């Protein structure tokens, strides 16, 4: 429960996308690809455990919060156990990263250390990113640009603007998951002093951000075809769009006065859409 397995597709999708890009460019390397996937999943679980601990410590998780149960706040697991579990899992991710450093060199050192630090700094440390409205930027960078680009690098040992384009599309949809989550928690976050971007923007600004991110995600394959000679197979990614019809309607009608629990199905659908998007866009790039 504390590891939040339903969040793992958001970590796996960028790796699948980066691997698809490597396959399409003739740079596929199975062991680095597998290591990148394992590392990404471990960092996601470690981040979830750290969030569970630090949100409880800072008072961000209150009994009034709507959504999945947080084990520390609910008293199901002692706080120190959750904290130690987070560091243990992130330590395992570091071991995986050592292998990838041998494959990819200095860029992997930078990516790996930044990922581990930000996994804790998302809600912990002297300047928790999520509490200062930087959570959205964190997700866009690390679950988009960094995850896709890093996965491609450790296989092809190459980089370019089209890798950033693929990462931006993936990052946009993964960030959209966080936006729905923060819109649901807007009122309780504000009361707890957690100044997420949704708290700063308010319901109307958050609704616009969600729409903008969805449009950005599905523009990525169009731009790739027009400017980087991507194969039309990348339009397979549009297969994720039907999953977002419901969330778009739900978010568009949520004005802050509706029951926050009404956003829970939209959150699940958005997460599914992001996972399907990464899989299908990666498949399209591989077929090209």
C-alpha atoms as a PDB file:
ATOM      1  CA  UNK A   1       0.000   0.000   0.000  1.00  0.00           C
ATOM      2  CA  UNK A   2       2.813   2.394   0.893  1.00  0.00           C
ATOM      3  CA  UNK A   3       4.680   1.702  -2.356  1.00  0.00           C
ATOM      4  CA  UNK A   4       1.569   2.731  -4.383  1.00  0.00           C
ATOM      5  CA  UNK A   5       1.871   0.173  -7.213  1.00  0.00           C
ATOM      6  CA  UNK A   6      -0.709   2.033  -9.312  1.00  0.00           C
ATOM      7  CA  UNK A   7       1.848   4.805  -9.852  1.00  0.00           C
ATOM      8  CA  UNK A   8       4.420   2.460 -11.402  1.00  0.00           C
ATOM      9  CA  UNK A   9       3.138   2.737 -15.012  1.00  0.00           C
ATOM     10  CA  UNK A  10       4.062   6.439 -14.877  1.00  0.00           C
ATOM     11  CA  UNK A  11       7.659   5.376 -14.182  1.00  0.00           C
ATOM     12  CA  UNK A  12       7.702   2.524 -16.716  1.00  0.00           C
ATOM     13  CA  UNK A  13       6.161   4.442 -19.637  1.00  0.00           C
ATOM     14  CA  UNK A  14       9.111   6.821 -20.240  1.00  0.00           C
ATOM     15  CA  UNK A  15      11.532   3.875 -20.218  1.00  0.00           C
ATOM     16  CA  UNK A  16       9.396   2.021 -22.761  1.00  0.00           C
ATOM     17  CA  UNK A  17       9.282   5.158 -24.892  1.00  0.00           C
ATOM     18  CA  UNK A  18      13.053   5.715 -24.716  1.00  0.00           C
ATOM     19  CA  UNK A  19      13.627   2.050 -25.552  1.00  0.00           C
ATOM     20  CA  UNK A  20      11.275   2.260 -28.538  1.00  0.00           C
ATOM     21  CA  UNK A  21      13.235   5.237 -29.801  1.00  0.00           C
ATOM     22  CA  UNK A  22      16.479   3.278 -29.388  1.00  0.00           C
ATOM     23  CA  UNK A  23      15.027   0.317 -31.306  1.00  0.00           C
ATOM     24  CA  UNK A  24      13.917   2.581 -34.136  1.00  0.00           C
ATOM     25  CA  UNK A  25      17.402   4.127 -34.360  1.00  0.00           C
ATOM     26  CA  UNK A  26      19.214   0.790 -34.256  1.00  0.00           C
ATOM     27  CA  UNK A  27      20.663   1.354 -30.792  1.00  0.00           C
ATOM     28  CA  UNK A  28      18.670  -1.120 -28.677  1.00  0.00           C
ATOM     29  CA  UNK A  29      20.667  -2.703 -25.843  1.00  0.00           C
ATOM     30  CA  UNK A  30      18.618  -5.161 -23.733  1.00  0.00           C
ATOM     31  CA  UNK A  31      20.592  -5.136 -20.459  1.00  0.00           C
ATOM     32  CA  UNK A  32      20.842  -1.322 -20.145  1.00  0.00           C
ATOM     33  CA  UNK A  33      17.148  -1.095 -21.090  1.00  0.00           C
ATOM     34  CA  UNK A  34      16.206  -3.574 -18.348  1.00  0.00           C
ATOM     35  CA  UNK A  35      18.423  -1.805 -15.824  1.00  0.00           C
ATOM     36  CA  UNK A  36      16.848   1.542 -16.705  1.00  0.00           C
ATOM     37  CA  UNK A  37      13.388   0.046 -16.129  1.00  0.00           C
ATOM     38  CA  UNK A  38      14.333  -1.493 -12.770  1.00  0.00           C
ATOM     39  CA  UNK A  39      16.031   1.730 -11.675  1.00  0.00           C
ATOM     40  CA  UNK A  40      13.033   3.846 -12.654  1.00  0.00           C
ATOM     41  CA  UNK A  41      10.616   1.607 -10.751  1.00  0.00           C
ATOM     42  CA  UNK A  42      12.829   1.629  -7.648  1.00  0.00           C
ATOM     43  CA  UNK A  43      13.109   5.424  -7.705  1.00  0.00           C
ATOM     44  CA  UNK A  44       9.324   5.687  -8.048  1.00  0.00           C
ATOM     45  CA  UNK A  45       8.719   3.398  -5.063  1.00  0.00           C
ATOM     46  CA  UNK A  46      11.382   5.208  -3.040  1.00  0.00           C
ATOM     47  CA  UNK A  47       9.798   8.556  -3.852  1.00  0.00           C
ATOM     48  CA  UNK A  48       6.363   7.256  -2.824  1.00  0.00           C
ATOM     49  CA  UNK A  49       7.683   6.025   0.522  1.00  0.00           C
ATOM     50  CA  UNK A  50       9.538   9.280   1.141  1.00  0.00           C
ATOM     51  CA  UNK A  51       6.392  11.275   0.310  1.00  0.00           C
ATOM     52  CA  UNK A  52       4.339   9.158   2.700  1.00  0.00           C
ATOM     53  CA  UNK A  53       6.827   9.852   5.497  1.00  0.00           C
ATOM     54  CA  UNK A  54       7.582  13.533   4.867  1.00  0.00           C
ATOM     55  CA  UNK A  55       3.979  14.559   4.145  1.00  0.00           C
ATOM     56  CA  UNK A  56       3.045  13.077   7.519  1.00  0.00           C
ATOM     57  CA  UNK A  57       5.980  14.794   9.178  1.00  0.00           C
ATOM     58  CA  UNK A  58       5.040  18.198   7.726  1.00  0.00           C
ATOM     59  CA  UNK A  59       1.307  17.800   8.336  1.00  0.00           C
ATOM     60  CA  UNK A  60       0.475  17.590   4.642  1.00  0.00           C
ATOM     61  CA  UNK A  61      -1.553  14.400   5.118  1.00  0.00           C
ATOM     62  CA  UNK A  62      -4.515  15.100   7.359  1.00  0.00           C
ATOM     63  CA  UNK A  63      -7.584  12.977   8.210  1.00  0.00           C
ATOM     64  CA  UNK A  64      -9.621  15.227   5.871  1.00  0.00           C
ATOM     65  CA  UNK A  65      -7.516  14.289   2.844  1.00  0.00           C
ATOM     66  CA  UNK A  66      -9.392  12.545   0.021  1.00  0.00           C
ATOM     67  CA  UNK A  67      -7.676   9.712  -1.817  1.00  0.00           C
ATOM     68  CA  UNK A  68      -5.667   6.530  -1.213  1.00  0.00           C
ATOM     69  CA  UNK A  69      -4.750   5.842   2.389  1.00  0.00           C
ATOM     70  CA  UNK A  70      -1.316   6.998   3.546  1.00  0.00           C
ATOM     71  CA  UNK A  71       0.156   4.360   5.836  1.00  0.00           C
ATOM     72  CA  UNK A  72       2.184   6.723   8.035  1.00  0.00           C
ATOM     73  CA  UNK A  73      -0.679   9.120   8.689  1.00  0.00           C
ATOM     74  CA  UNK A  74      -3.041   6.188   9.306  1.00  0.00           C
ATOM     75  CA  UNK A  75      -0.632   4.625  11.810  1.00  0.00           C
ATOM     76  CA  UNK A  76      -0.349   1.353   9.862  1.00  0.00           C
ATOM     77  CA  UNK A  77       3.464   1.481   9.734  1.00  0.00           C
ATOM     78  CA  UNK A  78       5.770   3.402  12.121  1.00  0.00           C
ATOM     79  CA  UNK A  79       7.179   6.561  10.491  1.00  0.00           C
ATOM     80  CA  UNK A  80      10.796   5.443  10.985  1.00  0.00           C
ATOM     81  CA  UNK A  81      10.078   2.181   9.163  1.00  0.00           C
ATOM     82  CA  UNK A  82       8.627   4.014   6.170  1.00  0.00           C
ATOM     83  CA  UNK A  83      11.601   6.403   6.131  1.00  0.00           C
ATOM     84  CA  UNK A  84      14.115   3.560   6.325  1.00  0.00           C
ATOM     85  CA  UNK A  85      12.240   1.704   3.598  1.00  0.00           C
ATOM     86  CA  UNK A  86      12.521   4.744   1.338  1.00  0.00           C
ATOM     87  CA  UNK A  87      16.282   4.962   1.823  1.00  0.00           C
ATOM     88  CA  UNK A  88      16.690   1.211   1.352  1.00  0.00           C
ATOM     89  CA  UNK A  89      14.822   1.241  -1.978  1.00  0.00           C
ATOM     90  CA  UNK A  90      16.709   4.312  -3.177  1.00  0.00           C
ATOM     91  CA  UNK A  91      19.935   2.570  -2.166  1.00  0.00           C
ATOM     92  CA  UNK A  92      18.988  -0.362  -4.404  1.00  0.00           C
ATOM     93  CA  UNK A  93      18.341   2.128  -7.209  1.00  0.00           C
ATOM     94  CA  UNK A  94      21.840   3.485  -6.637  1.00  0.00           C
ATOM     95  CA  UNK A  95      23.302  -0.009  -7.111  1.00  0.00           C
ATOM     96  CA  UNK A  96      21.478  -0.338 -10.431  1.00  0.00           C
ATOM     97  CA  UNK A  97      22.763   3.101 -11.326  1.00  0.00           C
ATOM     98  CA  UNK A  98      26.372   2.007 -10.801  1.00  0.00           C
ATOM     99  CA  UNK A  99      25.978  -0.491 -13.623  1.00  0.00           C
ATOM    100  CA  UNK A 100      24.453   2.184 -15.855  1.00  0.00           C
ATOM    101  CA  UNK A 101      27.329   4.549 -15.044  1.00  0.00           C
ATOM    102  CA  UNK A 102      29.678   1.908 -16.455  1.00  0.00           C
ATOM    103  CA  UNK A 103      27.582   1.897 -19.617  1.00  0.00           C
ATOM    104  CA  UNK A 104      26.788   5.592 -20.047  1.00  0.00           C
ATOM    105  CA  UNK A 105      29.517   7.433 -18.172  1.00  0.00           C
ATOM    106  CA  UNK A 106      29.356  10.907 -16.619  1.00  0.00           C
ATOM    107  CA  UNK A 107      25.864  11.883 -17.920  1.00  0.00           C
ATOM    108  CA  UNK A 108      24.394   8.940 -16.006  1.00  0.00           C
ATOM    109  CA  UNK A 109      26.179  10.064 -12.825  1.00  0.00           C
ATOM    110  CA  UNK A 110      24.530  13.480 -13.118  1.00  0.00           C
ATOM    111  CA  UNK A 111      21.112  12.049 -13.960  1.00  0.00           C
ATOM    112  CA  UNK A 112      21.262   9.413 -11.230  1.00  0.00           C
ATOM    113  CA  UNK A 113      22.366  11.692  -8.423  1.00  0.00           C
ATOM    114  CA  UNK A 114      19.829  14.367  -9.387  1.00  0.00           C
ATOM    115  CA  UNK A 115      17.051  11.757  -9.475  1.00  0.00           C
ATOM    116  CA  UNK A 116      17.930  10.362  -6.045  1.00  0.00           C
ATOM    117  CA  UNK A 117      18.235  13.791  -4.441  1.00  0.00           C
ATOM    118  CA  UNK A 118      14.964  15.030  -5.907  1.00  0.00           C
ATOM    119  CA  UNK A 119      13.173  11.806  -4.927  1.00  0.00           C
ATOM    120  CA  UNK A 120      13.694  12.856  -1.302  1.00  0.00           C
ATOM    121  CA  UNK A 121      13.553  16.626  -1.881  1.00  0.00           C
ATOM    122  CA  UNK A 122      10.124  16.335  -3.513  1.00  0.00           C
ATOM    123  CA  UNK A 123       8.516  16.505  -0.052  1.00  0.00           C
ATOM    124  CA  UNK A 124      11.567  16.351   2.244  1.00  0.00           C
ATOM    125  CA  UNK A 125      14.578  18.472   3.066  1.00  0.00           C
ATOM    126  CA  UNK A 126      14.817  22.201   3.782  1.00  0.00           C
ATOM    127  CA  UNK A 127      13.085  23.183   0.507  1.00  0.00           C
ATOM    128  CA  UNK A 128      10.474  20.551  -0.417  1.00  0.00           C
ATOM    129  CA  UNK A 129       9.659  21.016  -4.100  1.00  0.00           C
ATOM    130  CA  UNK A 130       6.003  20.001  -3.852  1.00  0.00           C
ATOM    131  CA  UNK A 131       5.387  22.526  -1.066  1.00  0.00           C
ATOM    132  CA  UNK A 132       6.717  25.406  -3.179  1.00  0.00           C
ATOM    133  CA  UNK A 133       4.810  24.806  -6.406  1.00  0.00           C
ATOM    134  CA  UNK A 134       7.687  23.013  -8.163  1.00  0.00           C
ATOM    135  CA  UNK A 135       6.216  19.511  -8.175  1.00  0.00           C
ATOM    136  CA  UNK A 136       4.864  19.884 -11.705  1.00  0.00           C
ATOM    137  CA  UNK A 137       8.264  20.943 -13.031  1.00  0.00           C
ATOM    138  CA  UNK A 138       9.898  18.027 -11.201  1.00  0.00           C
ATOM    139  CA  UNK A 139       7.555  15.497 -12.806  1.00  0.00           C
ATOM    140  CA  UNK A 140       7.894  17.027 -16.284  1.00  0.00           C
ATOM    141  CA  UNK A 141      11.696  16.913 -16.072  1.00  0.00           C
ATOM    142  CA  UNK A 142      12.290  13.584 -14.353  1.00  0.00           C
ATOM    143  CA  UNK A 143       9.311  11.577 -15.642  1.00  0.00           C
ATOM    144  CA  UNK A 144       9.680  12.998 -19.129  1.00  0.00           C
ATOM    145  CA  UNK A 145      12.890  14.566 -20.404  1.00  0.00           C
ATOM    146  CA  UNK A 146      15.306  12.820 -18.032  1.00  0.00           C
ATOM    147  CA  UNK A 147      13.666   9.366 -18.039  1.00  0.00           C
ATOM    148  CA  UNK A 148      13.224   9.168 -21.813  1.00  0.00           C
ATOM    149  CA  UNK A 149      16.552  10.818 -22.583  1.00  0.00           C
ATOM    150  CA  UNK A 150      18.472   8.767 -20.018  1.00  0.00           C
ATOM    151  CA  UNK A 151      16.971   5.487 -21.238  1.00  0.00           C
ATOM    152  CA  UNK A 152      17.854   6.327 -24.826  1.00  0.00           C
ATOM    153  CA  UNK A 153      21.383   7.436 -23.865  1.00  0.00           C
ATOM    154  CA  UNK A 154      22.385   4.257 -21.999  1.00  0.00           C
ATOM    155  CA  UNK A 155      21.422   2.224 -25.075  1.00  0.00           C
ATOM    156  CA  UNK A 156      22.408   4.347 -28.066  1.00  0.00           C
ATOM    157  CA  UNK A 157      25.025   6.603 -26.390  1.00  0.00           C
ATOM    158  CA  UNK A 158      23.531   9.391 -28.456  1.00  0.00           C
ATOM    159  CA  UNK A 159      21.256  12.363 -27.952  1.00  0.00           C
ATOM    160  CA  UNK A 160      19.376  14.942 -29.993  1.00  0.00           C
ATOM    161  CA  UNK A 161      16.392  17.304 -30.106  1.00  0.00           C
ATOM    162  CA  UNK A 162      13.966  14.561 -31.126  1.00  0.00           C
ATOM    163  CA  UNK A 163      14.787  12.740 -27.885  1.00  0.00           C
ATOM    164  CA  UNK A 164      13.781  15.888 -25.999  1.00  0.00           C
ATOM    165  CA  UNK A 165      10.587  16.072 -28.056  1.00  0.00           C
ATOM    166  CA  UNK A 166       9.616  12.521 -27.118  1.00  0.00           C
ATOM    167  CA  UNK A 167      10.484  13.266 -23.490  1.00  0.00           C
ATOM    168  CA  UNK A 168       8.405  16.443 -23.502  1.00  0.00           C
ATOM    169  CA  UNK A 169       5.327  14.585 -24.766  1.00  0.00           C
ATOM    170  CA  UNK A 170       5.719  11.902 -22.115  1.00  0.00           C
ATOM    171  CA  UNK A 171       6.481  14.445 -19.402  1.00  0.00           C
ATOM    172  CA  UNK A 172       3.371  16.442 -20.252  1.00  0.00           C
ATOM    173  CA  UNK A 173       1.025  13.485 -19.748  1.00  0.00           C
ATOM    174  CA  UNK A 174       2.765  12.319 -16.584  1.00  0.00           C
ATOM    175  CA  UNK A 175       2.492  15.856 -15.220  1.00  0.00           C
ATOM    176  CA  UNK A 176      -1.221  15.807 -16.081  1.00  0.00           C
ATOM    177  CA  UNK A 177      -1.590  12.952 -13.568  1.00  0.00           C
ATOM    178  CA  UNK A 178      -0.153  15.170 -10.840  1.00  0.00           C
ATOM    179  CA  UNK A 179      -2.409  18.053 -11.868  1.00  0.00           C
ATOM    180  CA  UNK A 180      -5.560  15.975 -11.318  1.00  0.00           C
ATOM    181  CA  UNK A 181      -4.164  14.765  -7.998  1.00  0.00           C
ATOM    182  CA  UNK A 182      -3.405  18.311  -6.852  1.00  0.00           C
ATOM    183  CA  UNK A 183      -6.774  19.625  -8.034  1.00  0.00           C
ATOM    184  CA  UNK A 184      -8.434  16.949  -5.898  1.00  0.00           C
ATOM    185  CA  UNK A 185      -6.286  17.911  -2.875  1.00  0.00           C
ATOM    186  CA  UNK A 186      -6.384  21.664  -3.490  1.00  0.00           C
ATOM    187  CA  UNK A 187      -8.401  22.597  -0.412  1.00  0.00           C
ATOM    188  CA  UNK A 188      -6.635  20.291   2.064  1.00  0.00           C
ATOM    189  CA  UNK A 189      -3.204  21.223   0.662  1.00  0.00           C
ATOM    190  CA  UNK A 190      -3.963  24.913   1.107  1.00  0.00           C
ATOM    191  CA  UNK A 191      -5.064  24.328   4.698  1.00  0.00           C
ATOM    192  CA  UNK A 192      -1.858  22.373   5.412  1.00  0.00           C
ATOM    193  CA  UNK A 193       0.358  25.089   3.907  1.00  0.00           C
ATOM    194  CA  UNK A 194       1.320  22.925   0.923  1.00  0.00           C
ATOM    195  CA  UNK A 195       1.552  25.546  -1.842  1.00  0.00           C
ATOM    196  CA  UNK A 196       1.299  23.296  -4.881  1.00  0.00           C
ATOM    197  CA  UNK A 197       0.965  24.894  -8.297  1.00  0.00           C
ATOM    198  CA  UNK A 198      -2.751  24.075  -8.190  1.00  0.00           C
ATOM    199  CA  UNK A 199      -3.092  25.988  -4.907  1.00  0.00           C
ATOM    200  CA  UNK A 200      -1.295  28.936  -6.509  1.00  0.00           C
ATOM    201  CA  UNK A 201      -3.279  28.840  -9.763  1.00  0.00           C
ATOM    202  CA  UNK A 202      -6.678  28.034  -8.271  1.00  0.00           C
ATOM    203  CA  UNK A 203      -9.295  25.789  -9.919  1.00  0.00           C
ATOM    204  CA  UNK A 204      -9.561  27.761 -13.182  1.00  0.00           C
ATOM    205  CA  UNK A 205      -5.804  27.950 -13.715  1.00  0.00           C
ATOM    206  CA  UNK A 206      -5.416  24.269 -12.885  1.00  0.00           C
ATOM    207  CA  UNK A 207      -8.114  23.337 -15.409  1.00  0.00           C
ATOM    208  CA  UNK A 208      -6.218  25.273 -18.102  1.00  0.00           C
ATOM    209  CA  UNK A 209      -2.923  23.625 -17.106  1.00  0.00           C
ATOM    210  CA  UNK A 210      -4.454  20.171 -17.492  1.00  0.00           C
ATOM    211  CA  UNK A 211      -5.811  20.963 -20.965  1.00  0.00           C
ATOM    212  CA  UNK A 212      -2.492  22.521 -22.004  1.00  0.00           C
ATOM    213  CA  UNK A 213      -0.536  19.429 -20.934  1.00  0.00           C
ATOM    214  CA  UNK A 214      -2.864  17.034 -22.776  1.00  0.00           C
ATOM    215  CA  UNK A 215      -2.601  19.113 -25.973  1.00  0.00           C
ATOM    216  CA  UNK A 216       1.180  19.290 -25.578  1.00  0.00           C
ATOM    217  CA  UNK A 217       1.444  15.537 -25.183  1.00  0.00           C
ATOM    218  CA  UNK A 218      -0.459  14.746 -28.364  1.00  0.00           C
ATOM    219  CA  UNK A 219       1.238  17.488 -30.376  1.00  0.00           C
ATOM    220  CA  UNK A 220       4.611  15.783 -29.842  1.00  0.00           C
ATOM    221  CA  UNK A 221       4.107  13.018 -32.450  1.00  0.00           C
ATOM    222  CA  UNK A 222       2.699  15.569 -34.916  1.00  0.00           C
ATOM    223  CA  UNK A 223       5.793  17.768 -34.524  1.00  0.00           C
ATOM    224  CA  UNK A 224       7.991  14.679 -34.821  1.00  0.00           C
ATOM    225  CA  UNK A 225       6.448  13.703 -38.144  1.00  0.00           C
ATOM    226  CA  UNK A 226       6.574  17.252 -39.536  1.00  0.00           C
ATOM    227  CA  UNK A 227      10.066  18.270 -38.433  1.00  0.00           C
ATOM    228  CA  UNK A 228      12.049  15.128 -37.546  1.00  0.00           C
ATOM    229  CA  UNK A 229      10.803  12.691 -40.197  1.00  0.00           C
ATOM    230  CA  UNK A 230       9.252  10.381 -37.635  1.00  0.00           C
ATOM    231  CA  UNK A 231       7.326   7.495 -39.113  1.00  0.00           C
ATOM    232  CA  UNK A 232       3.512   7.889 -39.230  1.00  0.00           C
ATOM    233  CA  UNK A 233       3.439   4.838 -36.953  1.00  0.00           C
ATOM    234  CA  UNK A 234       3.891   7.297 -34.055  1.00  0.00           C
ATOM    235  CA  UNK A 235       0.243   8.279 -34.492  1.00  0.00           C
ATOM    236  CA  UNK A 236      -0.483   5.028 -32.652  1.00  0.00           C
ATOM    237  CA  UNK A 237      -0.067   7.228 -29.581  1.00  0.00           C
ATOM    238  CA  UNK A 238      -3.443   8.779 -30.396  1.00  0.00           C
ATOM    239  CA  UNK A 239      -4.905   5.507 -29.153  1.00  0.00           C
ATOM    240  CA  UNK A 240      -4.475   6.886 -25.634  1.00  0.00           C
ATOM    241  CA  UNK A 241      -6.695   9.885 -26.372  1.00  0.00           C
ATOM    242  CA  UNK A 242     -10.078   8.154 -25.795  1.00  0.00           C
ATOM    243  CA  UNK A 243      -8.987   7.398 -22.234  1.00  0.00           C
ATOM    244  CA  UNK A 244      -8.710  11.144 -21.602  1.00  0.00           C
ATOM    245  CA  UNK A 245     -12.202  12.116 -22.788  1.00  0.00           C
ATOM    246  CA  UNK A 246     -13.704  11.454 -19.360  1.00  0.00           C
ATOM    247  CA  UNK A 247     -10.926  13.174 -17.386  1.00  0.00           C
ATOM    248  CA  UNK A 248     -11.087  16.237 -19.657  1.00  0.00           C
ATOM    249  CA  UNK A 249     -14.822  16.568 -19.006  1.00  0.00           C
ATOM    250  CA  UNK A 250     -14.462  15.979 -15.268  1.00  0.00           C
ATOM    251  CA  UNK A 251     -11.615  18.454 -14.833  1.00  0.00           C
ATOM    252  CA  UNK A 252     -13.310  21.062 -17.037  1.00  0.00           C
ATOM    253  CA  UNK A 253     -16.437  20.957 -14.871  1.00  0.00           C
ATOM    254  CA  UNK A 254     -14.624  20.984 -11.525  1.00  0.00           C
ATOM    255  CA  UNK A 255     -14.880  24.513 -10.154  1.00  0.00           C
ATOM    256  CA  UNK A 256     -13.662  23.846  -6.621  1.00  0.00           C
ATOM    257  CA  UNK A 257     -17.167  23.489  -5.177  1.00  0.00           C
ATOM    258  CA  UNK A 258     -17.722  19.884  -6.262  1.00  0.00           C
ATOM    259  CA  UNK A 259     -16.818  16.872  -4.159  1.00  0.00           C
ATOM    260  CA  UNK A 260     -13.044  16.283  -4.562  1.00  0.00           C
ATOM    261  CA  UNK A 261     -13.707  12.530  -4.600  1.00  0.00           C
ATOM    262  CA  UNK A 262     -15.336  12.968  -8.019  1.00  0.00           C
ATOM    263  CA  UNK A 263     -11.828  13.448  -9.431  1.00  0.00           C
ATOM    264  CA  UNK A 264     -10.566  10.030  -8.306  1.00  0.00           C
ATOM    265  CA  UNK A 265     -11.805   8.158 -11.438  1.00  0.00           C
ATOM    266  CA  UNK A 266     -10.311  10.912 -13.617  1.00  0.00           C
ATOM    267  CA  UNK A 267      -6.979  10.464 -11.850  1.00  0.00           C
ATOM    268  CA  UNK A 268      -6.940   6.733 -12.580  1.00  0.00           C
ATOM    269  CA  UNK A 269      -7.911   7.258 -16.223  1.00  0.00           C
ATOM    270  CA  UNK A 270      -5.227   9.888 -16.723  1.00  0.00           C
ATOM    271  CA  UNK A 271      -2.609   7.540 -15.307  1.00  0.00           C
ATOM    272  CA  UNK A 272      -3.807   4.787 -17.647  1.00  0.00           C
ATOM    273  CA  UNK A 273      -3.668   7.179 -20.593  1.00  0.00           C
ATOM    274  CA  UNK A 274      -0.082   8.186 -19.788  1.00  0.00           C
ATOM    275  CA  UNK A 275       0.987   4.552 -19.616  1.00  0.00           C
ATOM    276  CA  UNK A 276      -0.726   3.668 -22.896  1.00  0.00           C
ATOM    277  CA  UNK A 277       0.721   6.794 -24.548  1.00  0.00           C
ATOM    278  CA  UNK A 278       4.306   5.858 -23.640  1.00  0.00           C
ATOM    279  CA  UNK A 279       3.802   2.282 -24.779  1.00  0.00           C
ATOM    280  CA  UNK A 280       2.165   3.180 -28.106  1.00  0.00           C
ATOM    281  CA  UNK A 281       4.495   6.055 -28.967  1.00  0.00           C
ATOM    282  CA  UNK A 282       7.481   3.837 -28.168  1.00  0.00           C
ATOM    283  CA  UNK A 283       6.005   1.071 -30.326  1.00  0.00           C
ATOM    284  CA  UNK A 284       5.450   3.498 -33.188  1.00  0.00           C
ATOM    285  CA  UNK A 285       9.022   4.744 -33.010  1.00  0.00           C
ATOM    286  CA  UNK A 286      10.317   1.154 -32.887  1.00  0.00           C
ATOM    287  CA  UNK A 287       8.285   0.198 -35.964  1.00  0.00           C
ATOM    288  CA  UNK A 288       9.795   3.169 -37.789  1.00  0.00           C
END
